[in-house]
Amino acid sequence: MKVVKSSSPCPAASGKSAKVWRFHLYVSGRTSKSLAAYANLKSICERSMLGGYRITVIDIAERPKVAKADQVCATPMVIRRNPRPIRTVIGTLSDPDLVLVGLDIASAI
């Protein structure tokens, strides 16, 4: 799986001020769990991100140095890079409520 960027329109580009959410989703190949984690994260972002979002998918087999730098211990794993502070959740992200809490999205919206 190659690095893929997915994003929603950002109101900031049209003159409105809004934060852009940035996520790194670490996967290990194009497995059913990796695909499920991406689909679940994208669905959560579509429903929750008011200011736009960007998801960068990183395959640890293709970019091991990046995974090591972010201390990836399991896959799939998502890291909320922006807004700070950094938050991490491991798994297929199948429970939206737990993902919102784990990535501290609900309190930041």
PDB file of N, CA and C in Angstrom:
ATOM      1  N   MET A   1       0.855  -1.174   0.000  1.00  0.00           N
ATOM      2  CA  MET A   1       0.000   0.000   0.000  1.00  0.00           C
ATOM      3  C   MET A   1       0.894   1.227   0.000  1.00  0.00           C
ATOM      4  N   LYS A   2       0.627   2.130  -0.871  1.00  0.00           N
ATOM      5  CA  LYS A   2       1.422   3.347  -0.981  1.00  0.00           C
ATOM      6  C   LYS A   2       0.838   4.436  -0.092  1.00  0.00           C
ATOM      7  N   VAL A   3       1.621   5.469   0.115  1.00  0.00           N
ATOM      8  CA  VAL A   3       1.130   6.614   0.874  1.00  0.00           C
ATOM      9  C   VAL A   3      -0.015   7.231   0.086  1.00  0.00           C
ATOM     10  N   VAL A   4      -1.141   7.379   0.741  1.00  0.00           N
ATOM     11  CA  VAL A   4      -2.325   7.940   0.116  1.00  0.00           C
ATOM     12  C   VAL A   4      -2.762   9.119   0.953  1.00  0.00           C
ATOM     13  N   LYS A   5      -3.104  10.197   0.302  1.00  0.00           N
ATOM     14  CA  LYS A   5      -3.617  11.340   1.041  1.00  0.00           C
ATOM     15  C   LYS A   5      -5.066  11.528   0.667  1.00  0.00           C
ATOM     16  N   SER A   6      -5.883  11.691   1.673  1.00  0.00           N
ATOM     17  CA  SER A   6      -7.299  11.932   1.453  1.00  0.00           C
ATOM     18  C   SER A   6      -7.676  13.134   2.288  1.00  0.00           C
ATOM     19  N   SER A   7      -8.414  14.042   1.710  1.00  0.00           N
ATOM     20  CA  SER A   7      -8.771  15.211   2.491  1.00  0.00           C
ATOM     21  C   SER A   7     -10.125  15.736   2.080  1.00  0.00           C
ATOM     22  N   SER A   8     -10.704  16.509   2.969  1.00  0.00           N
ATOM     23  CA  SER A   8     -11.966  17.167   2.681  1.00  0.00           C
ATOM     24  C   SER A   8     -11.684  18.621   2.351  1.00  0.00           C
ATOM     25  N   PRO A   9     -12.632  19.286   1.711  1.00  0.00           N
ATOM     26  CA  PRO A   9     -12.428  20.712   1.450  1.00  0.00           C
ATOM     27  C   PRO A   9     -12.196  21.456   2.751  1.00  0.00           C
ATOM     28  N   CYS A  10     -11.313  22.398   2.711  1.00  0.00           N
ATOM     29  CA  CYS A  10     -10.966  23.147   3.916  1.00  0.00           C
ATOM     30  C   CYS A  10     -11.548  24.558   3.832  1.00  0.00           C
ATOM     31  N   PRO A  11     -12.452  24.914   4.758  1.00  0.00           N
ATOM     32  CA  PRO A  11     -13.013  26.251   4.743  1.00  0.00           C
ATOM     33  C   PRO A  11     -11.958  27.353   4.829  1.00  0.00           C
ATOM     34  N   ALA A  12     -10.800  27.060   5.405  1.00  0.00           N
ATOM     35  CA  ALA A  12      -9.749  28.071   5.526  1.00  0.00           C
ATOM     36  C   ALA A  12      -9.309  28.557   4.144  1.00  0.00           C
ATOM     37  N   ALA A  13      -9.383  27.678   3.165  1.00  0.00           N
ATOM     38  CA  ALA A  13      -8.982  28.057   1.811  1.00  0.00           C
ATOM     39  C   ALA A  13      -9.957  29.058   1.200  1.00  0.00           C
ATOM     40  N   SER A  14     -11.182  29.091   1.705  1.00  0.00           N
ATOM     41  CA  SER A  14     -12.171  30.020   1.164  1.00  0.00           C
ATOM     42  C   SER A  14     -12.294  31.281   2.019  1.00  0.00           C
ATOM     43  N   GLY A  15     -11.310  31.506   2.902  1.00  0.00           N
ATOM     44  CA  GLY A  15     -11.315  32.728   3.688  1.00  0.00           C
ATOM     45  C   GLY A  15     -11.832  32.554   5.106  1.00  0.00           C
ATOM     46  N   LYS A  16     -12.418  31.416   5.409  1.00  0.00           N
ATOM     47  CA  LYS A  16     -12.901  31.165   6.770  1.00  0.00           C
ATOM     48  C   LYS A  16     -11.762  30.583   7.587  1.00  0.00           C
ATOM     49  N   SER A  17     -11.718  30.918   8.880  1.00  0.00           N
ATOM     50  CA  SER A  17     -10.669  30.351   9.712  1.00  0.00           C
ATOM     51  C   SER A  17     -11.168  29.058  10.334  1.00  0.00           C
ATOM     52  N   ALA A  18     -10.398  28.006  10.186  1.00  0.00           N
ATOM     53  CA  ALA A  18     -10.752  26.709  10.740  1.00  0.00           C
ATOM     54  C   ALA A  18      -9.491  25.874  10.855  1.00  0.00           C
ATOM     55  N   LYS A  19      -9.511  24.939  11.799  1.00  0.00           N
ATOM     56  CA  LYS A  19      -8.359  24.074  11.947  1.00  0.00           C
ATOM     57  C   LYS A  19      -8.468  22.898  10.985  1.00  0.00           C
ATOM     58  N   VAL A  20      -7.340  22.461  10.506  1.00  0.00           N
ATOM     59  CA  VAL A  20      -7.286  21.293   9.644  1.00  0.00           C
ATOM     60  C   VAL A  20      -6.738  20.150  10.473  1.00  0.00           C
ATOM     61  N   TRP A  21      -7.465  19.076  10.519  1.00  0.00           N
ATOM     62  CA  TRP A  21      -7.069  17.888  11.269  1.00  0.00           C
ATOM     63  C   TRP A  21      -6.142  17.059  10.390  1.00  0.00           C
ATOM     64  N   ARG A  22      -5.035  16.579  10.960  1.00  0.00           N
ATOM     65  CA  ARG A  22      -4.079  15.754  10.216  1.00  0.00           C
ATOM     66  C   ARG A  22      -3.865  14.443  10.950  1.00  0.00           C
ATOM     67  N   PHE A  23      -3.997  13.365  10.184  1.00  0.00           N
ATOM     68  CA  PHE A  23      -3.848  12.021  10.741  1.00  0.00           C
ATOM     69  C   PHE A  23      -2.851  11.231   9.924  1.00  0.00           C
ATOM     70  N   HIS A  24      -2.039  10.411  10.614  1.00  0.00           N
ATOM     71  CA  HIS A  24      -1.194   9.420   9.960  1.00  0.00           C
ATOM     72  C   HIS A  24      -1.775   8.063  10.333  1.00  0.00           C
ATOM     73  N   LEU A  25      -2.150   7.287   9.325  1.00  0.00           N
ATOM     74  CA  LEU A  25      -2.674   5.935   9.543  1.00  0.00           C
ATOM     75  C   LEU A  25      -1.599   4.952   9.106  1.00  0.00           C
ATOM     76  N   TYR A  26      -1.039   4.237  10.060  1.00  0.00           N
ATOM     77  CA  TYR A  26      -0.010   3.243   9.782  1.00  0.00           C
ATOM     78  C   TYR A  26      -0.664   1.888   9.569  1.00  0.00           C
ATOM     79  N   VAL A  27      -0.291   1.226   8.468  1.00  0.00           N
ATOM     80  CA  VAL A  27      -0.839  -0.080   8.125  1.00  0.00           C
ATOM     81  C   VAL A  27       0.302  -1.016   7.760  1.00  0.00           C
ATOM     82  N   SER A  28      -0.028  -2.283   7.663  1.00  0.00           N
ATOM     83  CA  SER A  28       0.939  -3.287   7.239  1.00  0.00           C
ATOM     84  C   SER A  28       0.348  -4.016   6.039  1.00  0.00           C
ATOM     85  N   GLY A  29       0.556  -3.454   4.871  1.00  0.00           N
ATOM     86  CA  GLY A  29       0.012  -4.041   3.652  1.00  0.00           C
ATOM     87  C   GLY A  29      -1.452  -3.688   3.432  1.00  0.00           C
ATOM     88  N   ARG A  30      -1.990  -4.231   2.370  1.00  0.00           N
ATOM     89  CA  ARG A  30      -3.377  -3.958   1.991  1.00  0.00           C
ATOM     90  C   ARG A  30      -4.258  -5.090   2.527  1.00  0.00           C
ATOM     91  N   THR A  31      -4.365  -5.174   3.834  1.00  0.00           N
ATOM     92  CA  THR A  31      -5.148  -6.224   4.480  1.00  0.00           C
ATOM     93  C   THR A  31      -6.573  -5.731   4.748  1.00  0.00           C
ATOM     94  N   SER A  32      -7.436  -6.656   5.109  1.00  0.00           N
ATOM     95  CA  SER A  32      -8.818  -6.274   5.420  1.00  0.00           C
ATOM     96  C   SER A  32      -8.861  -5.330   6.623  1.00  0.00           C
ATOM     97  N   LYS A  33      -7.986  -5.534   7.594  1.00  0.00           N
ATOM     98  CA  LYS A  33      -7.961  -4.643   8.766  1.00  0.00           C
ATOM     99  C   LYS A  33      -7.472  -3.242   8.388  1.00  0.00           C
ATOM    100  N   SER A  34      -6.482  -3.187   7.517  1.00  0.00           N
ATOM    101  CA  SER A  34      -5.974  -1.887   7.070  1.00  0.00           C
ATOM    102  C   SER A  34      -7.052  -1.119   6.310  1.00  0.00           C
ATOM    103  N   LEU A  35      -7.731  -1.800   5.409  1.00  0.00           N
ATOM    104  CA  LEU A  35      -8.790  -1.166   4.626  1.00  0.00           C
ATOM    105  C   LEU A  35      -9.953  -0.734   5.512  1.00  0.00           C
ATOM    106  N   ALA A  36     -10.288  -1.564   6.503  1.00  0.00           N
ATOM    107  CA  ALA A  36     -11.375  -1.218   7.432  1.00  0.00           C
ATOM    108  C   ALA A  36     -11.004   0.002   8.263  1.00  0.00           C
ATOM    109  N   ALA A  37      -9.760   0.054   8.737  1.00  0.00           N
ATOM    110  CA  ALA A  37      -9.320   1.189   9.547  1.00  0.00           C
ATOM    111  C   ALA A  37      -9.393   2.477   8.733  1.00  0.00           C
ATOM    112  N   TYR A  38      -8.962   2.432   7.478  1.00  0.00           N
ATOM    113  CA  TYR A  38      -9.022   3.616   6.624  1.00  0.00           C
ATOM    114  C   TYR A  38     -10.472   4.052   6.397  1.00  0.00           C
ATOM    115  N   ALA A  39     -11.320   3.107   6.051  1.00  0.00           N
ATOM    116  CA  ALA A  39     -12.732   3.435   5.798  1.00  0.00           C
ATOM    117  C   ALA A  39     -13.397   3.998   7.054  1.00  0.00           C
ATOM    118  N   ASN A  40     -13.102   3.411   8.202  1.00  0.00           N
ATOM    119  CA  ASN A  40     -13.693   3.890   9.460  1.00  0.00           C
ATOM    120  C   ASN A  40     -13.198   5.284   9.815  1.00  0.00           C
ATOM    121  N   LEU A  41     -11.896   5.518   9.664  1.00  0.00           N
ATOM    122  CA  LEU A  41     -11.350   6.843   9.972  1.00  0.00           C
ATOM    123  C   LEU A  41     -11.921   7.895   9.027  1.00  0.00           C
ATOM    124  N   LYS A  42     -11.997   7.570   7.753  1.00  0.00           N
ATOM    125  CA  LYS A  42     -12.548   8.521   6.790  1.00  0.00           C
ATOM    126  C   LYS A  42     -14.005   8.842   7.113  1.00  0.00           C
ATOM    127  N   SER A  43     -14.778   7.836   7.491  1.00  0.00           N
ATOM    128  CA  SER A  43     -16.180   8.047   7.854  1.00  0.00           C
ATOM    129  C   SER A  43     -16.309   8.951   9.074  1.00  0.00           C
ATOM    130  N   ILE A  44     -15.476   8.721  10.083  1.00  0.00           N
ATOM    131  CA  ILE A  44     -15.484   9.554  11.297  1.00  0.00           C
ATOM    132  C   ILE A  44     -15.114  10.991  10.946  1.00  0.00           C
ATOM    133  N   CYS A  45     -14.114  11.152  10.103  1.00  0.00           N
ATOM    134  CA  CYS A  45     -13.687  12.496   9.699  1.00  0.00           C
ATOM    135  C   CYS A  45     -14.789  13.217   8.933  1.00  0.00           C
ATOM    136  N   GLU A  46     -15.444  12.517   8.027  1.00  0.00           N
ATOM    137  CA  GLU A  46     -16.510  13.135   7.235  1.00  0.00           C
ATOM    138  C   GLU A  46     -17.641  13.647   8.132  1.00  0.00           C
ATOM    139  N   ARG A  47     -17.906  12.910   9.218  1.00  0.00           N
ATOM    140  CA  ARG A  47     -18.994  13.306  10.115  1.00  0.00           C
ATOM    141  C   ARG A  47     -18.573  14.334  11.156  1.00  0.00           C
ATOM    142  N   SER A  48     -17.289  14.419  11.491  1.00  0.00           N
ATOM    143  CA  SER A  48     -16.866  15.194  12.654  1.00  0.00           C
ATOM    144  C   SER A  48     -15.982  16.402  12.373  1.00  0.00           C
ATOM    145  N   MET A  49     -15.276  16.428  11.274  1.00  0.00           N
ATOM    146  CA  MET A  49     -14.284  17.477  11.034  1.00  0.00           C
ATOM    147  C   MET A  49     -14.929  18.695  10.386  1.00  0.00           C
ATOM    148  N   LEU A  50     -15.032  19.751  11.159  1.00  0.00           N
ATOM    149  CA  LEU A  50     -15.643  20.974  10.656  1.00  0.00           C
ATOM    150  C   LEU A  50     -14.693  21.771   9.777  1.00  0.00           C
ATOM    151  N   GLY A  51     -13.412  21.689  10.045  1.00  0.00           N
ATOM    152  CA  GLY A  51     -12.439  22.509   9.334  1.00  0.00           C
ATOM    153  C   GLY A  51     -11.669  21.781   8.261  1.00  0.00           C
ATOM    154  N   GLY A  52     -12.050  20.572   7.963  1.00  0.00           N
ATOM    155  CA  GLY A  52     -11.318  19.795   6.976  1.00  0.00           C
ATOM    156  C   GLY A  52     -10.346  18.840   7.652  1.00  0.00           C
ATOM    157  N   TYR A  53      -9.867  17.887   6.887  1.00  0.00           N
ATOM    158  CA  TYR A  53      -8.961  16.891   7.441  1.00  0.00           C
ATOM    159  C   TYR A  53      -8.053  16.368   6.345  1.00  0.00           C
ATOM    160  N   ARG A  54      -6.968  15.734   6.775  1.00  0.00           N
ATOM    161  CA  ARG A  54      -6.051  15.069   5.859  1.00  0.00           C
ATOM    162  C   ARG A  54      -5.619  13.765   6.506  1.00  0.00           C
ATOM    163  N   ILE A  55      -5.763  12.676   5.764  1.00  0.00           N
ATOM    164  CA  ILE A  55      -5.324  11.355   6.223  1.00  0.00           C
ATOM    165  C   ILE A  55      -4.160  10.934   5.331  1.00  0.00           C
ATOM    166  N   THR A  56      -3.034  10.606   5.945  1.00  0.00           N
ATOM    167  CA  THR A  56      -1.894  10.075   5.219  1.00  0.00           C
ATOM    168  C   THR A  56      -1.736   8.619   5.624  1.00  0.00           C
ATOM    169  N   VAL A  57      -1.846   7.708   4.655  1.00  0.00           N
ATOM    170  CA  VAL A  57      -1.707   6.275   4.925  1.00  0.00           C
ATOM    171  C   VAL A  57      -0.260   5.890   4.661  1.00  0.00           C
ATOM    172  N   ILE A  58       0.354   5.240   5.651  1.00  0.00           N
ATOM    173  CA  ILE A  58       1.764   4.872   5.556  1.00  0.00           C
ATOM    174  C   ILE A  58       1.905   3.375   5.813  1.00  0.00           C
ATOM    175  N   ASP A  59       2.444   2.655   4.838  1.00  0.00           N
ATOM    176  CA  ASP A  59       2.690   1.219   4.980  1.00  0.00           C
ATOM    177  C   ASP A  59       4.053   1.049   5.655  1.00  0.00           C
ATOM    178  N   ILE A  60       4.063   0.389   6.803  1.00  0.00           N
ATOM    179  CA  ILE A  60       5.313   0.273   7.567  1.00  0.00           C
ATOM    180  C   ILE A  60       6.361  -0.560   6.845  1.00  0.00           C
ATOM    181  N   ALA A  61       5.946  -1.457   5.943  1.00  0.00           N
ATOM    182  CA  ALA A  61       6.917  -2.253   5.187  1.00  0.00           C
ATOM    183  C   ALA A  61       7.646  -1.391   4.170  1.00  0.00           C
ATOM    184  N   GLU A  62       6.971  -0.376   3.642  1.00  0.00           N
ATOM    185  CA  GLU A  62       7.580   0.491   2.647  1.00  0.00           C
ATOM    186  C   GLU A  62       8.322   1.670   3.262  1.00  0.00           C
ATOM    187  N   ARG A  63       7.926   2.071   4.466  1.00  0.00           N
ATOM    188  CA  ARG A  63       8.551   3.236   5.114  1.00  0.00           C
ATOM    189  C   ARG A  63       8.859   2.932   6.584  1.00  0.00           C
ATOM    190  N   PRO A  64       9.725   1.964   6.852  1.00  0.00           N
ATOM    191  CA  PRO A  64      10.005   1.560   8.230  1.00  0.00           C
ATOM    192  C   PRO A  64      10.639   2.655   9.090  1.00  0.00           C
ATOM    193  N   LYS A  65      11.422   3.537   8.498  1.00  0.00           N
ATOM    194  CA  LYS A  65      12.050   4.604   9.280  1.00  0.00           C
ATOM    195  C   LYS A  65      11.020   5.585   9.816  1.00  0.00           C
ATOM    196  N   VAL A  66      10.011   5.870   9.020  1.00  0.00           N
ATOM    197  CA  VAL A  66       8.945   6.770   9.470  1.00  0.00           C
ATOM    198  C   VAL A  66       8.172   6.111  10.606  1.00  0.00           C
ATOM    199  N   ALA A  67       7.881   4.825  10.459  1.00  0.00           N
ATOM    200  CA  ALA A  67       7.164   4.090  11.503  1.00  0.00           C
ATOM    201  C   ALA A  67       7.981   4.043  12.796  1.00  0.00           C
ATOM    202  N   LYS A  68       9.267   3.840  12.671  1.00  0.00           N
ATOM    203  CA  LYS A  68      10.130   3.803  13.855  1.00  0.00           C
ATOM    204  C   LYS A  68      10.159   5.165  14.541  1.00  0.00           C
ATOM    205  N   ALA A  69      10.238   6.215  13.768  1.00  0.00           N
ATOM    206  CA  ALA A  69      10.269   7.570  14.339  1.00  0.00           C
ATOM    207  C   ALA A  69       8.994   7.886  15.108  1.00  0.00           C
ATOM    208  N   ASP A  70       7.854   7.369  14.634  1.00  0.00           N
ATOM    209  CA  ASP A  70       6.583   7.596  15.324  1.00  0.00           C
ATOM    210  C   ASP A  70       6.278   6.514  16.355  1.00  0.00           C
ATOM    211  N   GLN A  71       7.232   5.607  16.585  1.00  0.00           N
ATOM    212  CA  GLN A  71       7.118   4.554  17.584  1.00  0.00           C
ATOM    213  C   GLN A  71       5.871   3.691  17.372  1.00  0.00           C
ATOM    214  N   VAL A  72       5.675   3.270  16.130  1.00  0.00           N
ATOM    215  CA  VAL A  72       4.545   2.414  15.803  1.00  0.00           C
ATOM    216  C   VAL A  72       4.801   1.039  16.392  1.00  0.00           C
ATOM    217  N   CYS A  73       3.871   0.580  17.236  1.00  0.00           N
ATOM    218  CA  CYS A  73       4.041  -0.699  17.922  1.00  0.00           C
ATOM    219  C   CYS A  73       3.089  -1.762  17.401  1.00  0.00           C
ATOM    220  N   ALA A  74       2.059  -1.377  16.659  1.00  0.00           N
ATOM    221  CA  ALA A  74       1.080  -2.310  16.109  1.00  0.00           C
ATOM    222  C   ALA A  74       0.370  -1.618  14.953  1.00  0.00           C
ATOM    223  N   THR A  75      -0.245  -2.416  14.093  1.00  0.00           N
ATOM    224  CA  THR A  75      -1.024  -1.839  12.998  1.00  0.00           C
ATOM    225  C   THR A  75      -2.382  -2.512  12.933  1.00  0.00           C
ATOM    226  N   PRO A  76      -3.382  -1.854  12.430  1.00  0.00           N
ATOM    227  CA  PRO A  76      -3.397  -0.453  12.053  1.00  0.00           C
ATOM    228  C   PRO A  76      -3.328   0.454  13.285  1.00  0.00           C
ATOM    229  N   MET A  77      -2.714   1.615  13.093  1.00  0.00           N
ATOM    230  CA  MET A  77      -2.546   2.593  14.162  1.00  0.00           C
ATOM    231  C   MET A  77      -2.691   3.983  13.566  1.00  0.00           C
ATOM    232  N   VAL A  78      -3.512   4.811  14.193  1.00  0.00           N
ATOM    233  CA  VAL A  78      -3.695   6.173  13.715  1.00  0.00           C
ATOM    234  C   VAL A  78      -3.122   7.144  14.735  1.00  0.00           C
ATOM    235  N   ILE A  79      -2.427   8.152  14.235  1.00  0.00           N
ATOM    236  CA  ILE A  79      -1.868   9.202  15.081  1.00  0.00           C
ATOM    237  C   ILE A  79      -2.484  10.522  14.652  1.00  0.00           C
ATOM    238  N   ARG A  80      -3.086  11.223  15.600  1.00  0.00           N
ATOM    239  CA  ARG A  80      -3.590  12.565  15.316  1.00  0.00           C
ATOM    240  C   ARG A  80      -2.408  13.511  15.472  1.00  0.00           C
ATOM    241  N   ARG A  81      -1.950  14.092  14.359  1.00  0.00           N
ATOM    242  CA  ARG A  81      -0.788  14.979  14.368  1.00  0.00           C
ATOM    243  C   ARG A  81      -1.162  16.428  14.655  1.00  0.00           C
ATOM    244  N   ASN A  82      -2.333  16.830  14.181  1.00  0.00           N
ATOM    245  CA  ASN A  82      -2.767  18.208  14.335  1.00  0.00           C
ATOM    246  C   ASN A  82      -4.280  18.216  14.464  1.00  0.00           C
ATOM    247  N   PRO A  83      -4.843  18.958  15.381  1.00  0.00           N
ATOM    248  CA  PRO A  83      -4.204  19.880  16.310  1.00  0.00           C
ATOM    249  C   PRO A  83      -3.491  19.132  17.439  1.00  0.00           C
ATOM    250  N   ARG A  84      -2.544  19.783  18.010  1.00  0.00           N
ATOM    251  CA  ARG A  84      -1.791  19.222  19.125  1.00  0.00           C
ATOM    252  C   ARG A  84      -2.672  19.170  20.369  1.00  0.00           C
ATOM    253  N   PRO A  85      -2.451  18.341  21.324  1.00  0.00           N
ATOM    254  CA  PRO A  85      -1.364  17.370  21.448  1.00  0.00           C
ATOM    255  C   PRO A  85      -1.631  16.136  20.589  1.00  0.00           C
ATOM    256  N   ILE A  86      -0.554  15.395  20.331  1.00  0.00           N
ATOM    257  CA  ILE A  86      -0.633  14.170  19.534  1.00  0.00           C
ATOM    258  C   ILE A  86      -1.413  13.122  20.321  1.00  0.00           C
ATOM    259  N   ARG A  87      -2.287  12.393  19.621  1.00  0.00           N
ATOM    260  CA  ARG A  87      -3.072  11.309  20.207  1.00  0.00           C
ATOM    261  C   ARG A  87      -2.948  10.087  19.303  1.00  0.00           C
ATOM    262  N   THR A  88      -3.048   8.877  19.896  1.00  0.00           N
ATOM    263  CA  THR A  88      -2.880   7.636  19.151  1.00  0.00           C
ATOM    264  C   THR A  88      -3.967   6.632  19.506  1.00  0.00           C
ATOM    265  N   VAL A  89      -4.445   5.901  18.491  1.00  0.00           N
ATOM    266  CA  VAL A  89      -5.397   4.804  18.692  1.00  0.00           C
ATOM    267  C   VAL A  89      -4.941   3.642  17.810  1.00  0.00           C
ATOM    268  N   ILE A  90      -5.012   2.435  18.358  1.00  0.00           N
ATOM    269  CA  ILE A  90      -4.627   1.226  17.632  1.00  0.00           C
ATOM    270  C   ILE A  90      -5.875   0.394  17.370  1.00  0.00           C
ATOM    271  N   GLY A  91      -5.982  -0.163  16.164  1.00  0.00           N
ATOM    272  CA  GLY A  91      -7.090  -1.053  15.828  1.00  0.00           C
ATOM    273  C   GLY A  91      -7.790  -0.616  14.560  1.00  0.00           C
ATOM    274  N   THR A  92      -8.916  -1.271  14.266  1.00  0.00           N
ATOM    275  CA  THR A  92      -9.638  -0.996  13.029  1.00  0.00           C
ATOM    276  C   THR A  92     -10.563   0.204  13.137  1.00  0.00           C
ATOM    277  N   LEU A  93     -10.622   0.825  14.308  1.00  0.00           N
ATOM    278  CA  LEU A  93     -11.401   2.047  14.517  1.00  0.00           C
ATOM    279  C   LEU A  93     -12.888   1.804  14.268  1.00  0.00           C
ATOM    280  N   SER A  94     -13.357   0.607  14.621  1.00  0.00           N
ATOM    281  CA  SER A  94     -14.733   0.218  14.320  1.00  0.00           C
ATOM    282  C   SER A  94     -15.767   0.822  15.257  1.00  0.00           C
ATOM    283  N   ASP A  95     -15.346   1.335  16.407  1.00  0.00           N
ATOM    284  CA  ASP A  95     -16.284   1.969  17.343  1.00  0.00           C
ATOM    285  C   ASP A  95     -16.054   3.482  17.309  1.00  0.00           C
ATOM    286  N   PRO A  96     -16.891   4.216  16.570  1.00  0.00           N
ATOM    287  CA  PRO A  96     -16.667   5.659  16.414  1.00  0.00           C
ATOM    288  C   PRO A  96     -16.601   6.423  17.727  1.00  0.00           C
ATOM    289  N   ASP A  97     -17.409   6.038  18.705  1.00  0.00           N
ATOM    290  CA  ASP A  97     -17.390   6.746  19.989  1.00  0.00           C
ATOM    291  C   ASP A  97     -16.046   6.593  20.692  1.00  0.00           C
ATOM    292  N   LEU A  98     -15.485   5.386  20.668  1.00  0.00           N
ATOM    293  CA  LEU A  98     -14.175   5.169  21.291  1.00  0.00           C
ATOM    294  C   LEU A  98     -13.073   5.909  20.531  1.00  0.00           C
ATOM    295  N   VAL A  99     -13.184   5.973  19.222  1.00  0.00           N
ATOM    296  CA  VAL A  99     -12.184   6.697  18.421  1.00  0.00           C
ATOM    297  C   VAL A  99     -12.241   8.188  18.739  1.00  0.00           C
ATOM    298  N   LEU A 100     -13.449   8.741  18.822  1.00  0.00           N
ATOM    299  CA  LEU A 100     -13.595  10.160  19.153  1.00  0.00           C
ATOM    300  C   LEU A 100     -12.965  10.481  20.504  1.00  0.00           C
ATOM    301  N   VAL A 101     -13.152   9.590  21.473  1.00  0.00           N
ATOM    302  CA  VAL A 101     -12.567   9.789  22.805  1.00  0.00           C
ATOM    303  C   VAL A 101     -11.056   9.563  22.757  1.00  0.00           C
ATOM    304  N   GLY A 102     -10.624   8.478  22.124  1.00  0.00           N
ATOM    305  CA  GLY A 102      -9.209   8.136  22.066  1.00  0.00           C
ATOM    306  C   GLY A 102      -8.362   9.170  21.355  1.00  0.00           C
ATOM    307  N   LEU A 103      -8.892   9.743  20.293  1.00  0.00           N
ATOM    308  CA  LEU A 103      -8.162  10.771  19.562  1.00  0.00           C
ATOM    309  C   LEU A 103      -8.481  12.157  20.075  1.00  0.00           C
ATOM    310  N   ASP A 104      -9.291  12.222  21.126  1.00  0.00           N
ATOM    311  CA  ASP A 104      -9.680  13.486  21.767  1.00  0.00           C
ATOM    312  C   ASP A 104     -10.270  14.463  20.747  1.00  0.00           C
ATOM    313  N   ILE A 105     -11.122  13.915  19.903  1.00  0.00           N
ATOM    314  CA  ILE A 105     -11.758  14.735  18.869  1.00  0.00           C
ATOM    315  C   ILE A 105     -12.982  15.454  19.425  1.00  0.00           C
ATOM    316  N   ALA A 106     -13.774  14.754  20.203  1.00  0.00           N
ATOM    317  CA  ALA A 106     -15.024  15.328  20.708  1.00  0.00           C
ATOM    318  C   ALA A 106     -14.799  16.612  21.484  1.00  0.00           C
ATOM    319  N   SER A 107     -13.761  16.660  22.321  1.00  0.00           N
ATOM    320  CA  SER A 107     -13.533  17.852  23.133  1.00  0.00           C
ATOM    321  C   SER A 107     -12.869  18.975  22.338  1.00  0.00           C
ATOM    322  N   ALA A 108     -12.253  18.637  21.211  1.00  0.00           N
ATOM    323  CA  ALA A 108     -11.538  19.644  20.429  1.00  0.00           C
ATOM    324  C   ALA A 108     -12.422  20.297  19.353  1.00  0.00           C
ATOM    325  N   ILE A 109     -13.590  19.733  19.114  1.00  0.00           N
ATOM    326  CA  ILE A 109     -14.472  20.275  18.068  1.00  0.00           C
ATOM    327  C   ILE A 109     -15.217  21.484  18.604  1.00  0.00           C
TER     328      ILE A 109
END
